[in-house]
């Protein structure tokens, strides 16, 4: 085939190929359900890691890190999540989570003085007895709820509008939604698990549940 004739053939065929691609059905990819879990521990960072870390990545991510990291190294990793990737964790959370990771996945021991100090920072106690009431939108932001949910469309989890519609005629709706937020779980809206938010106060749980059910 002569060069010019070959080029002309390609140009004529191009619109047909583009039209075929445009009309093709979009690919549907189904990911396997999450099975990785954080290793259990009595340290307070265990619950915090379940609540905050699993919002952004699988527990398997922890296993990919080099073995034997120290308290300082694991704390630096948690700090990187906060400062580089914008994880919704405070400086205090970084300290508590770093201690849990260092003991459970690294070289630190639970009874080390620096681990105990990191797991129980002085500022941790007054936070639970604060009198100021936090509004629902601030709670959504601080706990990264909007990373997985939206008001009117599904993201990872269901839209809040759909949750409100599901429980619209349920007299136990408020208690059920509060329990779902507090304890997490999977199966109600698919296989993707929702992490537990066990550290939220009853008032915060009620504020979030009331907001969701009003959508």
N, C-alpha and C. Protein backbone atom coordinates (compact mmCIF):
# COMPACT_ATOMS: atom_id res chain seq x y z
N UNK A 1 0.85 -1.20 0.00
CA UNK A 1 0.00 0.00 0.00
C UNK A 1 0.88 1.24 0.00
N UNK A 2 0.53 2.19 -0.83
CA UNK A 2 1.30 3.43 -0.89
C UNK A 2 1.09 4.24 0.38
N UNK A 3 2.12 5.00 0.81
CA UNK A 3 2.03 5.76 2.07
C UNK A 3 0.80 6.65 2.14
N UNK A 4 0.52 7.42 1.09
CA UNK A 4 -0.60 8.36 1.15
C UNK A 4 -1.93 7.63 1.27
N UNK A 5 -2.04 6.49 0.55
CA UNK A 5 -3.27 5.73 0.60
C UNK A 5 -3.46 5.14 2.00
N UNK A 6 -2.34 4.72 2.64
CA UNK A 6 -2.40 4.15 3.99
C UNK A 6 -2.85 5.20 5.00
N UNK A 7 -2.31 6.42 4.87
CA UNK A 7 -2.69 7.51 5.78
C UNK A 7 -4.15 7.88 5.61
N UNK A 8 -4.61 7.90 4.35
CA UNK A 8 -6.02 8.23 4.07
C UNK A 8 -6.94 7.19 4.70
N UNK A 9 -6.53 5.92 4.62
CA UNK A 9 -7.34 4.84 5.21
C UNK A 9 -7.45 5.01 6.72
N UNK A 10 -6.30 5.36 7.38
CA UNK A 10 -6.30 5.57 8.83
C UNK A 10 -7.22 6.71 9.22
N UNK A 11 -7.15 7.82 8.47
CA UNK A 11 -7.97 8.99 8.79
C UNK A 11 -9.45 8.68 8.63
N UNK A 12 -9.78 7.86 7.65
CA UNK A 12 -11.18 7.50 7.45
C UNK A 12 -11.68 6.56 8.54
N UNK A 13 -10.78 5.72 9.02
CA UNK A 13 -11.18 4.75 10.04
C UNK A 13 -11.27 5.37 11.43
N UNK A 14 -10.53 6.47 11.67
CA UNK A 14 -10.46 7.07 13.00
C UNK A 14 -11.83 7.45 13.56
N UNK A 15 -12.71 8.14 12.80
CA UNK A 15 -14.02 8.50 13.36
C UNK A 15 -14.82 7.28 13.79
N UNK A 16 -14.72 6.20 13.00
CA UNK A 16 -15.45 4.97 13.35
C UNK A 16 -14.96 4.41 14.67
N UNK A 17 -13.62 4.40 14.87
CA UNK A 17 -13.04 3.87 16.11
C UNK A 17 -13.46 4.70 17.31
N UNK A 18 -13.42 6.04 17.13
CA UNK A 18 -13.81 6.92 18.23
C UNK A 18 -15.28 6.75 18.59
N UNK A 19 -16.11 6.58 17.56
CA UNK A 19 -17.53 6.40 17.82
C UNK A 19 -17.79 5.08 18.56
N UNK A 20 -17.03 4.05 18.18
CA UNK A 20 -17.18 2.75 18.85
C UNK A 20 -16.80 2.85 20.32
N UNK A 21 -15.66 3.56 20.60
CA UNK A 21 -15.22 3.72 21.97
C UNK A 21 -16.22 4.52 22.79
N UNK A 22 -16.79 5.57 22.18
CA UNK A 22 -17.73 6.44 22.88
C UNK A 22 -19.01 5.70 23.26
N UNK A 23 -19.40 4.71 22.38
CA UNK A 23 -20.66 4.01 22.64
C UNK A 23 -20.49 2.79 23.54
N UNK A 24 -19.22 2.45 23.85
CA UNK A 24 -18.98 1.28 24.68
C UNK A 24 -19.48 1.51 26.10
N UNK A 25 -20.00 0.48 26.72
CA UNK A 25 -20.51 0.60 28.09
C UNK A 25 -19.35 0.83 29.04
N UNK A 26 -19.53 1.69 30.05
CA UNK A 26 -18.44 1.93 31.01
C UNK A 26 -18.10 0.67 31.79
N UNK A 27 -16.83 0.54 32.11
CA UNK A 27 -16.39 -0.62 32.87
C UNK A 27 -16.91 -0.53 34.31
N UNK A 28 -17.32 -1.64 34.84
CA UNK A 28 -17.77 -1.70 36.23
C UNK A 28 -16.80 -2.59 37.00
N UNK A 29 -16.12 -2.01 37.98
CA UNK A 29 -15.11 -2.75 38.75
C UNK A 29 -15.63 -2.95 40.17
N UNK A 30 -15.69 -4.17 40.59
CA UNK A 30 -16.13 -4.49 41.95
C UNK A 30 -14.93 -4.92 42.77
N UNK A 31 -14.60 -4.16 43.79
CA UNK A 31 -13.47 -4.49 44.65
C UNK A 31 -13.89 -5.51 45.70
N UNK A 32 -12.98 -6.39 46.09
CA UNK A 32 -13.32 -7.35 47.14
C UNK A 32 -13.56 -6.64 48.46
N UNK A 33 -14.37 -7.20 49.35
CA UNK A 33 -14.64 -6.55 50.64
C UNK A 33 -13.36 -6.44 51.46
N UNK A 34 -13.28 -5.37 52.27
CA UNK A 34 -12.12 -5.15 53.14
C UNK A 34 -12.09 -6.21 54.25
N UNK A 35 -10.95 -6.87 54.39
CA UNK A 35 -10.81 -7.89 55.43
C UNK A 35 -9.70 -7.57 56.41
N UNK A 36 -8.82 -6.64 56.04
CA UNK A 36 -7.70 -6.30 56.93
C UNK A 36 -8.21 -5.54 58.15
N UNK A 37 -7.64 -5.83 59.30
CA UNK A 37 -8.03 -5.15 60.54
C UNK A 37 -6.79 -4.74 61.31
N UNK A 38 -6.93 -3.74 62.16
CA UNK A 38 -5.83 -3.33 63.03
C UNK A 38 -5.67 -4.37 64.14
N UNK A 39 -4.43 -4.64 64.51
CA UNK A 39 -4.17 -5.61 65.57
C UNK A 39 -4.72 -5.08 66.89
N UNK A 40 -5.48 -5.90 67.61
CA UNK A 40 -6.08 -5.44 68.88
C UNK A 40 -5.02 -5.06 69.92
N UNK A 41 -5.38 -4.13 70.77
CA UNK A 41 -4.49 -3.67 71.83
C UNK A 41 -5.32 -3.00 72.91
N UNK A 42 -4.78 -2.99 74.12
CA UNK A 42 -5.44 -2.28 75.21
C UNK A 42 -5.07 -0.80 75.23
N UNK A 43 -4.12 -0.41 74.41
CA UNK A 43 -3.71 0.99 74.35
C UNK A 43 -4.81 1.84 73.73
N UNK A 44 -5.00 3.07 74.18
CA UNK A 44 -6.08 3.92 73.65
C UNK A 44 -5.93 4.23 72.16
N UNK A 45 -4.71 4.11 71.64
CA UNK A 45 -4.50 4.39 70.23
C UNK A 45 -5.14 3.38 69.31
N UNK A 46 -5.49 2.20 69.84
CA UNK A 46 -6.12 1.17 69.01
C UNK A 46 -7.48 1.65 68.50
N UNK A 47 -8.34 2.11 69.40
CA UNK A 47 -9.66 2.60 69.00
C UNK A 47 -9.54 3.83 68.12
N UNK A 48 -8.56 4.68 68.43
CA UNK A 48 -8.38 5.90 67.65
C UNK A 48 -7.92 5.58 66.23
N UNK A 49 -7.03 4.59 66.09
CA UNK A 49 -6.57 4.18 64.77
C UNK A 49 -7.71 3.60 63.95
N UNK A 50 -8.57 2.80 64.57
CA UNK A 50 -9.73 2.25 63.88
C UNK A 50 -10.63 3.37 63.38
N UNK A 51 -10.80 4.37 64.22
CA UNK A 51 -11.72 5.46 63.90
C UNK A 51 -11.16 6.41 62.85
N UNK A 52 -9.90 6.83 63.03
CA UNK A 52 -9.35 7.90 62.19
C UNK A 52 -8.55 7.37 61.00
N UNK A 53 -7.71 6.35 61.20
CA UNK A 53 -6.80 5.91 60.13
C UNK A 53 -7.54 5.17 59.01
N UNK A 54 -8.53 4.34 59.41
CA UNK A 54 -9.21 3.54 58.40
C UNK A 54 -10.12 4.36 57.50
N UNK A 55 -10.31 5.63 57.81
CA UNK A 55 -11.08 6.52 56.93
C UNK A 55 -10.35 6.70 55.61
N UNK A 56 -9.00 6.72 55.66
CA UNK A 56 -8.22 7.04 54.48
C UNK A 56 -7.51 5.84 53.85
N UNK A 57 -7.21 4.81 54.62
CA UNK A 57 -6.49 3.68 54.04
C UNK A 57 -6.79 2.40 54.80
N UNK A 58 -6.46 1.28 54.15
CA UNK A 58 -6.65 -0.03 54.76
C UNK A 58 -5.65 -0.26 55.89
N UNK A 59 -6.01 -1.15 56.80
CA UNK A 59 -5.07 -1.53 57.85
C UNK A 59 -3.84 -2.22 57.26
N UNK A 60 -3.97 -2.76 56.05
CA UNK A 60 -2.83 -3.40 55.38
C UNK A 60 -1.69 -2.42 55.15
N UNK A 61 -2.02 -1.14 55.04
CA UNK A 61 -0.97 -0.13 54.81
C UNK A 61 0.07 -0.18 55.92
N UNK A 62 -0.36 -0.47 57.14
CA UNK A 62 0.56 -0.53 58.28
C UNK A 62 1.56 -1.67 58.09
N UNK A 63 1.09 -2.79 57.55
CA UNK A 63 1.96 -3.95 57.37
C UNK A 63 3.03 -3.73 56.30
N UNK A 64 2.83 -2.73 55.45
CA UNK A 64 3.80 -2.44 54.41
C UNK A 64 5.00 -1.65 54.93
N UNK A 65 4.90 -1.13 56.15
CA UNK A 65 5.99 -0.34 56.72
C UNK A 65 7.11 -1.26 57.20
N UNK A 66 8.35 -0.75 57.25
CA UNK A 66 9.47 -1.58 57.72
C UNK A 66 9.23 -2.08 59.14
N UNK A 67 9.59 -3.33 59.44
CA UNK A 67 9.38 -3.86 60.79
C UNK A 67 10.35 -3.23 61.79
N UNK A 68 9.93 -3.20 63.04
CA UNK A 68 10.83 -2.74 64.10
C UNK A 68 10.98 -1.25 64.23
N UNK A 69 10.05 -0.46 63.67
CA UNK A 69 10.15 0.99 63.80
C UNK A 69 9.98 1.39 65.27
N UNK A 70 10.68 2.44 65.67
CA UNK A 70 10.63 2.91 67.06
C UNK A 70 9.42 3.80 67.29
N UNK A 71 9.24 4.21 68.54
CA UNK A 71 8.15 5.14 68.88
C UNK A 71 8.29 6.44 68.10
N UNK A 72 9.50 6.97 68.04
CA UNK A 72 9.72 8.23 67.32
C UNK A 72 9.40 8.08 65.84
N UNK A 73 9.76 6.95 65.25
CA UNK A 73 9.52 6.74 63.82
C UNK A 73 8.04 6.56 63.52
N UNK A 74 7.33 5.78 64.36
CA UNK A 74 5.89 5.61 64.13
C UNK A 74 5.13 6.90 64.38
N UNK A 75 5.56 7.66 65.37
CA UNK A 75 4.91 8.95 65.62
C UNK A 75 5.13 9.90 64.45
N UNK A 76 6.33 9.84 63.86
CA UNK A 76 6.61 10.66 62.68
C UNK A 76 5.72 10.25 61.50
N UNK A 77 5.47 8.94 61.36
CA UNK A 77 4.58 8.46 60.29
C UNK A 77 3.16 9.00 60.49
N UNK A 78 2.68 8.94 61.73
CA UNK A 78 1.34 9.46 62.03
C UNK A 78 1.30 10.97 61.78
N UNK A 79 2.38 11.66 62.15
CA UNK A 79 2.45 13.10 61.91
C UNK A 79 2.45 13.44 60.43
N UNK A 80 3.07 12.58 59.63
CA UNK A 80 3.07 12.81 58.18
C UNK A 80 1.66 12.73 57.62
N UNK A 81 0.87 11.79 58.15
CA UNK A 81 -0.53 11.69 57.70
C UNK A 81 -1.29 12.98 57.99
N UNK A 82 -0.97 13.59 59.13
CA UNK A 82 -1.65 14.82 59.53
C UNK A 82 -1.20 16.01 58.67
N UNK A 83 0.11 16.20 58.56
CA UNK A 83 0.63 17.42 57.95
C UNK A 83 0.77 17.36 56.43
N UNK A 84 1.06 16.17 55.89
CA UNK A 84 1.27 16.05 54.45
C UNK A 84 -0.02 15.67 53.73
N UNK A 85 -0.77 14.72 54.30
CA UNK A 85 -1.96 14.22 53.62
C UNK A 85 -3.26 14.79 54.17
N UNK A 86 -3.17 15.63 55.19
CA UNK A 86 -4.37 16.28 55.71
C UNK A 86 -5.31 15.38 56.47
N UNK A 87 -4.79 14.34 57.11
CA UNK A 87 -5.64 13.45 57.91
C UNK A 87 -6.30 14.24 59.05
N UNK A 88 -7.55 13.95 59.35
CA UNK A 88 -8.28 14.70 60.39
C UNK A 88 -7.90 14.26 61.79
N UNK A 89 -6.64 14.42 62.14
CA UNK A 89 -6.16 14.04 63.47
C UNK A 89 -5.42 15.22 64.09
N UNK A 90 -5.52 15.33 65.40
CA UNK A 90 -4.87 16.41 66.13
C UNK A 90 -3.46 15.99 66.54
N UNK A 91 -2.69 16.94 67.09
CA UNK A 91 -1.35 16.61 67.59
C UNK A 91 -1.44 15.54 68.68
N UNK A 92 -2.46 15.63 69.51
CA UNK A 92 -2.66 14.63 70.56
C UNK A 92 -2.95 13.26 69.96
N UNK A 93 -3.78 13.23 68.91
CA UNK A 93 -4.08 11.97 68.23
C UNK A 93 -2.81 11.35 67.66
N UNK A 94 -1.95 12.18 67.09
CA UNK A 94 -0.68 11.69 66.53
C UNK A 94 0.12 10.97 67.60
N UNK A 95 0.20 11.56 68.78
CA UNK A 95 0.95 10.98 69.88
C UNK A 95 0.36 9.64 70.32
N UNK A 96 -0.95 9.60 70.48
CA UNK A 96 -1.63 8.39 70.97
C UNK A 96 -1.56 7.27 69.93
N UNK A 97 -1.82 7.61 68.67
CA UNK A 97 -1.77 6.60 67.60
C UNK A 97 -0.33 6.10 67.40
N UNK A 98 0.64 7.02 67.45
CA UNK A 98 2.04 6.62 67.30
C UNK A 98 2.46 5.62 68.35
N UNK A 99 2.02 5.81 69.59
CA UNK A 99 2.36 4.87 70.66
C UNK A 99 1.76 3.49 70.40
N UNK A 100 0.51 3.46 69.98
CA UNK A 100 -0.14 2.17 69.66
C UNK A 100 0.60 1.45 68.53
N UNK A 101 0.92 2.17 67.47
CA UNK A 101 1.60 1.55 66.33
C UNK A 101 2.99 1.06 66.70
N UNK A 102 3.70 1.84 67.52
CA UNK A 102 5.06 1.47 67.90
C UNK A 102 5.09 0.19 68.73
N UNK A 103 4.09 0.01 69.58
CA UNK A 103 4.03 -1.20 70.42
C UNK A 103 3.52 -2.39 69.62
N UNK A 104 2.47 -2.16 68.84
CA UNK A 104 1.79 -3.26 68.15
C UNK A 104 2.52 -3.72 66.89
N UNK A 105 3.17 -2.77 66.21
CA UNK A 105 3.84 -3.11 64.95
C UNK A 105 5.34 -2.83 64.97
N UNK A 106 5.82 -2.19 66.02
CA UNK A 106 7.22 -1.78 66.06
C UNK A 106 7.99 -2.41 67.19
N UNK A 107 9.00 -1.69 67.67
CA UNK A 107 9.94 -2.24 68.65
C UNK A 107 9.67 -1.78 70.09
N UNK A 108 8.68 -0.92 70.29
CA UNK A 108 8.42 -0.39 71.63
C UNK A 108 7.64 -1.39 72.49
N UNK A 109 7.69 -1.20 73.80
CA UNK A 109 6.96 -2.02 74.76
C UNK A 109 5.88 -1.18 75.44
N UNK A 110 4.75 -1.81 75.75
CA UNK A 110 3.62 -1.09 76.31
C UNK A 110 3.96 -0.42 77.64
N UNK A 111 4.88 -1.01 78.40
CA UNK A 111 5.21 -0.44 79.71
C UNK A 111 6.39 0.53 79.67
N UNK A 112 6.88 0.85 78.47
CA UNK A 112 7.93 1.87 78.35
C UNK A 112 7.39 3.21 78.84
N UNK A 113 8.21 3.96 79.55
CA UNK A 113 7.76 5.24 80.11
C UNK A 113 7.32 6.20 79.01
N UNK A 114 8.07 6.24 77.90
CA UNK A 114 7.71 7.19 76.84
C UNK A 114 6.43 6.76 76.12
N UNK A 115 6.16 5.45 76.05
CA UNK A 115 4.91 4.97 75.46
C UNK A 115 3.73 5.34 76.36
N UNK A 116 3.90 5.15 77.66
CA UNK A 116 2.84 5.51 78.60
C UNK A 116 2.53 7.00 78.55
N UNK A 117 3.58 7.80 78.46
CA UNK A 117 3.40 9.26 78.40
C UNK A 117 2.69 9.66 77.11
N UNK A 118 3.07 9.03 76.00
CA UNK A 118 2.46 9.36 74.72
C UNK A 118 1.01 8.90 74.65
N UNK A 119 0.72 7.77 75.30
CA UNK A 119 -0.65 7.23 75.27
C UNK A 119 -1.62 8.00 76.17
N UNK A 120 -1.08 8.68 77.15
CA UNK A 120 -1.92 9.41 78.10
C UNK A 120 -1.43 10.85 78.27
N UNK A 121 -1.49 11.65 77.19
CA UNK A 121 -1.02 13.03 77.28
C UNK A 121 -1.85 13.83 78.27
N UNK A 122 -1.25 14.81 78.94
CA UNK A 122 -1.96 15.59 79.96
C UNK A 122 -3.23 16.25 79.46
N UNK A 123 -3.25 16.65 78.20
CA UNK A 123 -4.41 17.38 77.68
C UNK A 123 -5.57 16.45 77.32
N UNK A 124 -5.37 15.14 77.46
CA UNK A 124 -6.41 14.21 77.02
C UNK A 124 -7.64 14.22 77.92
N UNK A 125 -7.44 14.42 79.22
CA UNK A 125 -8.56 14.31 80.14
C UNK A 125 -9.60 15.42 80.01
N UNK A 126 -9.23 16.71 80.00
CA UNK A 126 -10.25 17.76 79.95
C UNK A 126 -11.09 17.76 78.69
N UNK A 127 -10.59 17.14 77.61
CA UNK A 127 -11.32 17.19 76.35
C UNK A 127 -12.69 16.55 76.48
N UNK A 128 -12.78 15.46 77.25
CA UNK A 128 -14.04 14.72 77.35
C UNK A 128 -15.09 15.46 78.17
N UNK A 129 -14.70 16.42 78.99
CA UNK A 129 -15.66 17.10 79.85
C UNK A 129 -15.91 18.54 79.41
N UNK A 130 -15.55 18.83 78.17
CA UNK A 130 -15.78 20.18 77.68
C UNK A 130 -17.28 20.49 77.64
N UNK A 131 -17.64 21.70 77.95
CA UNK A 131 -19.04 22.08 78.01
C UNK A 131 -19.55 22.60 76.67
N UNK A 132 -18.65 23.16 75.89
CA UNK A 132 -19.06 23.75 74.61
C UNK A 132 -19.67 22.69 73.70
N UNK A 133 -20.77 23.03 73.06
CA UNK A 133 -21.45 22.10 72.17
C UNK A 133 -20.98 22.36 70.74
N UNK A 134 -20.52 21.29 70.09
CA UNK A 134 -20.01 21.41 68.73
C UNK A 134 -21.14 21.14 67.75
N UNK A 135 -21.28 21.97 66.73
CA UNK A 135 -22.36 21.76 65.77
C UNK A 135 -22.04 20.59 64.86
N UNK A 136 -23.08 20.05 64.22
CA UNK A 136 -22.96 18.82 63.43
C UNK A 136 -21.99 18.98 62.27
N UNK A 137 -22.00 20.13 61.60
CA UNK A 137 -21.13 20.31 60.44
C UNK A 137 -19.66 20.31 60.85
N UNK A 138 -19.37 20.86 62.01
CA UNK A 138 -17.99 20.81 62.51
C UNK A 138 -17.59 19.39 62.85
N UNK A 139 -18.51 18.64 63.44
CA UNK A 139 -18.25 17.24 63.75
C UNK A 139 -18.00 16.43 62.47
N UNK A 140 -18.78 16.68 61.45
CA UNK A 140 -18.58 15.99 60.17
C UNK A 140 -17.19 16.27 59.62
N UNK A 141 -16.76 17.52 59.73
CA UNK A 141 -15.46 17.92 59.21
C UNK A 141 -14.33 17.32 60.06
N UNK A 142 -14.44 17.41 61.36
CA UNK A 142 -13.36 16.97 62.24
C UNK A 142 -13.16 15.46 62.22
N UNK A 143 -14.21 14.72 61.90
CA UNK A 143 -14.12 13.26 61.90
C UNK A 143 -14.08 12.66 60.50
N UNK A 144 -13.86 13.51 59.50
CA UNK A 144 -13.69 13.06 58.10
C UNK A 144 -14.91 12.30 57.58
N UNK A 145 -16.08 12.59 58.12
CA UNK A 145 -17.29 11.90 57.65
C UNK A 145 -17.55 12.16 56.17
N UNK A 146 -17.23 13.38 55.74
CA UNK A 146 -17.52 13.76 54.36
C UNK A 146 -16.52 13.18 53.37
N UNK A 147 -15.53 12.43 53.86
CA UNK A 147 -14.64 11.70 52.96
C UNK A 147 -15.35 10.49 52.38
N UNK A 148 -16.34 9.97 53.10
CA UNK A 148 -17.05 8.77 52.68
C UNK A 148 -18.53 9.00 52.38
N UNK A 149 -19.06 10.14 52.81
CA UNK A 149 -20.49 10.43 52.63
C UNK A 149 -20.68 11.82 52.03
N UNK A 150 -21.84 12.00 51.40
CA UNK A 150 -22.27 13.32 50.93
C UNK A 150 -23.75 13.45 51.26
N UNK A 151 -24.27 14.65 51.13
CA UNK A 151 -25.68 14.88 51.47
C UNK A 151 -26.61 14.18 50.49
N UNK A 152 -26.33 14.35 49.18
CA UNK A 152 -27.31 13.93 48.18
C UNK A 152 -26.82 12.90 47.18
N UNK A 153 -25.63 12.33 47.37
CA UNK A 153 -25.17 11.28 46.46
C UNK A 153 -24.20 10.34 47.18
N UNK A 154 -24.14 9.13 46.70
CA UNK A 154 -23.27 8.13 47.31
C UNK A 154 -21.81 8.42 46.98
N UNK A 155 -20.95 8.28 47.98
CA UNK A 155 -19.50 8.37 47.76
C UNK A 155 -18.95 6.96 48.01
N UNK A 156 -18.40 6.71 49.19
CA UNK A 156 -18.07 5.35 49.58
C UNK A 156 -19.27 4.74 50.31
N UNK A 157 -19.81 5.52 51.23
CA UNK A 157 -21.01 5.11 51.94
C UNK A 157 -22.24 5.81 51.35
N UNK A 158 -23.41 5.54 51.89
CA UNK A 158 -24.66 6.09 51.34
C UNK A 158 -24.78 7.59 51.56
N UNK A 159 -25.58 8.22 50.71
CA UNK A 159 -25.89 9.64 50.89
C UNK A 159 -26.73 9.80 52.15
N UNK A 160 -26.54 10.90 52.86
CA UNK A 160 -27.33 11.14 54.06
C UNK A 160 -28.82 11.25 53.73
N UNK A 161 -29.12 11.74 52.54
CA UNK A 161 -30.52 11.83 52.11
C UNK A 161 -31.14 10.43 52.06
N UNK A 162 -30.37 9.44 51.59
CA UNK A 162 -30.88 8.07 51.50
C UNK A 162 -31.03 7.44 52.88
N UNK A 163 -30.12 7.77 53.79
CA UNK A 163 -30.23 7.26 55.16
C UNK A 163 -31.48 7.81 55.81
N UNK A 164 -31.71 9.11 55.63
CA UNK A 164 -32.91 9.73 56.21
C UNK A 164 -34.18 9.10 55.64
N UNK A 165 -34.19 8.81 54.34
CA UNK A 165 -35.37 8.20 53.71
C UNK A 165 -35.61 6.79 54.25
N UNK A 166 -34.53 6.04 54.47
CA UNK A 166 -34.67 4.67 54.97
C UNK A 166 -35.31 4.63 56.36
N UNK A 167 -34.95 5.60 57.19
CA UNK A 167 -35.43 5.59 58.58
C UNK A 167 -36.60 6.55 58.80
N UNK A 168 -37.18 7.08 57.74
CA UNK A 168 -38.20 8.12 57.87
C UNK A 168 -39.38 7.71 58.74
N UNK A 169 -39.77 6.44 58.68
CA UNK A 169 -40.95 5.98 59.42
C UNK A 169 -40.58 5.09 60.61
N UNK A 170 -39.33 5.10 60.98
CA UNK A 170 -38.86 4.26 62.08
C UNK A 170 -38.84 5.07 63.37
N UNK A 171 -39.63 4.71 64.36
CA UNK A 171 -39.66 5.48 65.62
C UNK A 171 -38.34 5.38 66.39
N UNK A 172 -37.53 4.37 66.08
CA UNK A 172 -36.24 4.20 66.73
C UNK A 172 -35.08 4.73 65.88
N UNK A 173 -35.42 5.56 64.90
CA UNK A 173 -34.42 6.01 63.93
C UNK A 173 -33.21 6.68 64.59
N UNK A 174 -33.46 7.59 65.52
CA UNK A 174 -32.36 8.34 66.14
C UNK A 174 -31.40 7.39 66.86
N UNK A 175 -31.95 6.47 67.64
CA UNK A 175 -31.10 5.52 68.38
C UNK A 175 -30.34 4.60 67.43
N UNK A 176 -30.99 4.18 66.36
CA UNK A 176 -30.35 3.26 65.42
C UNK A 176 -29.18 3.94 64.71
N UNK A 177 -29.37 5.18 64.27
CA UNK A 177 -28.31 5.89 63.56
C UNK A 177 -27.17 6.23 64.51
N UNK A 178 -27.51 6.63 65.73
CA UNK A 178 -26.46 6.89 66.73
C UNK A 178 -25.62 5.64 66.97
N UNK A 179 -26.28 4.49 67.07
CA UNK A 179 -25.57 3.24 67.30
C UNK A 179 -24.68 2.88 66.11
N UNK A 180 -25.17 3.12 64.90
CA UNK A 180 -24.38 2.82 63.71
C UNK A 180 -23.11 3.68 63.66
N UNK A 181 -23.24 4.94 64.05
CA UNK A 181 -22.07 5.82 64.06
C UNK A 181 -21.09 5.37 65.14
N UNK A 182 -21.60 5.06 66.30
CA UNK A 182 -20.74 4.71 67.43
C UNK A 182 -20.02 3.38 67.22
N UNK A 183 -20.73 2.39 66.72
CA UNK A 183 -20.17 1.04 66.64
C UNK A 183 -19.65 0.66 65.25
N UNK A 184 -20.02 1.41 64.21
CA UNK A 184 -19.59 1.05 62.86
C UNK A 184 -20.26 -0.22 62.40
N UNK A 185 -19.66 -0.86 61.38
CA UNK A 185 -20.21 -2.12 60.89
C UNK A 185 -20.28 -2.14 59.38
N UNK A 186 -20.84 -3.21 58.83
CA UNK A 186 -21.01 -3.35 57.38
C UNK A 186 -22.21 -4.23 57.10
N UNK A 187 -22.69 -4.20 55.88
CA UNK A 187 -23.81 -5.03 55.47
C UNK A 187 -25.11 -4.29 55.26
N UNK A 188 -25.30 -3.15 55.94
CA UNK A 188 -26.54 -2.41 55.76
C UNK A 188 -26.59 -1.70 54.41
N UNK A 189 -25.41 -1.24 53.95
CA UNK A 189 -25.35 -0.48 52.70
C UNK A 189 -24.29 -1.06 51.75
N UNK A 190 -23.96 -2.33 51.91
CA UNK A 190 -22.93 -2.94 51.09
C UNK A 190 -21.83 -3.54 51.96
N UNK A 191 -20.79 -4.01 51.29
CA UNK A 191 -19.72 -4.73 52.00
C UNK A 191 -18.64 -3.82 52.58
N UNK A 192 -18.59 -2.56 52.14
CA UNK A 192 -17.54 -1.67 52.63
C UNK A 192 -17.82 -1.33 54.09
N UNK A 193 -16.91 -1.64 55.02
CA UNK A 193 -17.18 -1.41 56.44
C UNK A 193 -17.06 0.06 56.82
N UNK A 194 -17.85 0.46 57.80
CA UNK A 194 -17.73 1.80 58.38
C UNK A 194 -16.99 1.67 59.70
N UNK A 195 -15.94 2.45 59.93
CA UNK A 195 -15.21 2.34 61.19
C UNK A 195 -16.04 2.84 62.36
N UNK A 196 -15.80 2.33 63.56
CA UNK A 196 -16.53 2.82 64.73
C UNK A 196 -16.02 4.18 65.19
N UNK A 197 -16.91 4.98 65.71
CA UNK A 197 -16.54 6.28 66.28
C UNK A 197 -16.88 6.26 67.77
N UNK A 198 -16.22 5.33 68.46
CA UNK A 198 -16.55 5.06 69.86
C UNK A 198 -16.20 6.21 70.79
N UNK A 199 -15.33 7.09 70.38
CA UNK A 199 -14.89 8.16 71.27
C UNK A 199 -15.79 9.40 71.21
N UNK A 200 -16.77 9.39 70.34
CA UNK A 200 -17.71 10.51 70.30
C UNK A 200 -18.61 10.47 71.52
N UNK A 201 -18.89 11.63 72.08
CA UNK A 201 -19.77 11.71 73.25
C UNK A 201 -21.22 11.47 72.82
N UNK A 202 -22.10 11.13 73.77
CA UNK A 202 -23.52 10.96 73.43
C UNK A 202 -24.13 12.20 72.77
N UNK A 203 -23.72 13.39 73.23
CA UNK A 203 -24.24 14.62 72.63
C UNK A 203 -23.79 14.76 71.18
N UNK A 204 -22.51 14.41 70.91
CA UNK A 204 -22.00 14.50 69.54
C UNK A 204 -22.69 13.48 68.65
N UNK A 205 -22.89 12.28 69.15
CA UNK A 205 -23.59 11.25 68.38
C UNK A 205 -25.01 11.70 68.05
N UNK A 206 -25.67 12.30 69.04
CA UNK A 206 -27.04 12.76 68.82
C UNK A 206 -27.07 13.89 67.80
N UNK A 207 -26.10 14.80 67.86
CA UNK A 207 -26.05 15.92 66.91
C UNK A 207 -25.87 15.40 65.48
N UNK A 208 -24.97 14.44 65.32
CA UNK A 208 -24.73 13.89 63.99
C UNK A 208 -25.95 13.13 63.47
N UNK A 209 -26.54 12.28 64.31
CA UNK A 209 -27.70 11.50 63.90
C UNK A 209 -28.88 12.41 63.55
N UNK A 210 -29.09 13.43 64.35
CA UNK A 210 -30.19 14.38 64.08
C UNK A 210 -29.97 15.09 62.75
N UNK A 211 -28.74 15.51 62.50
CA UNK A 211 -28.42 16.17 61.23
C UNK A 211 -28.70 15.24 60.05
N UNK A 212 -28.21 14.00 60.14
CA UNK A 212 -28.38 13.04 59.05
C UNK A 212 -29.84 12.78 58.77
N UNK A 213 -30.61 12.58 59.81
CA UNK A 213 -32.04 12.24 59.64
C UNK A 213 -32.86 13.44 59.16
N UNK A 214 -32.29 14.63 59.20
CA UNK A 214 -33.03 15.82 58.75
C UNK A 214 -32.80 16.11 57.27
N UNK A 215 -31.99 15.30 56.61
CA UNK A 215 -31.67 15.57 55.21
C UNK A 215 -32.76 15.03 54.28
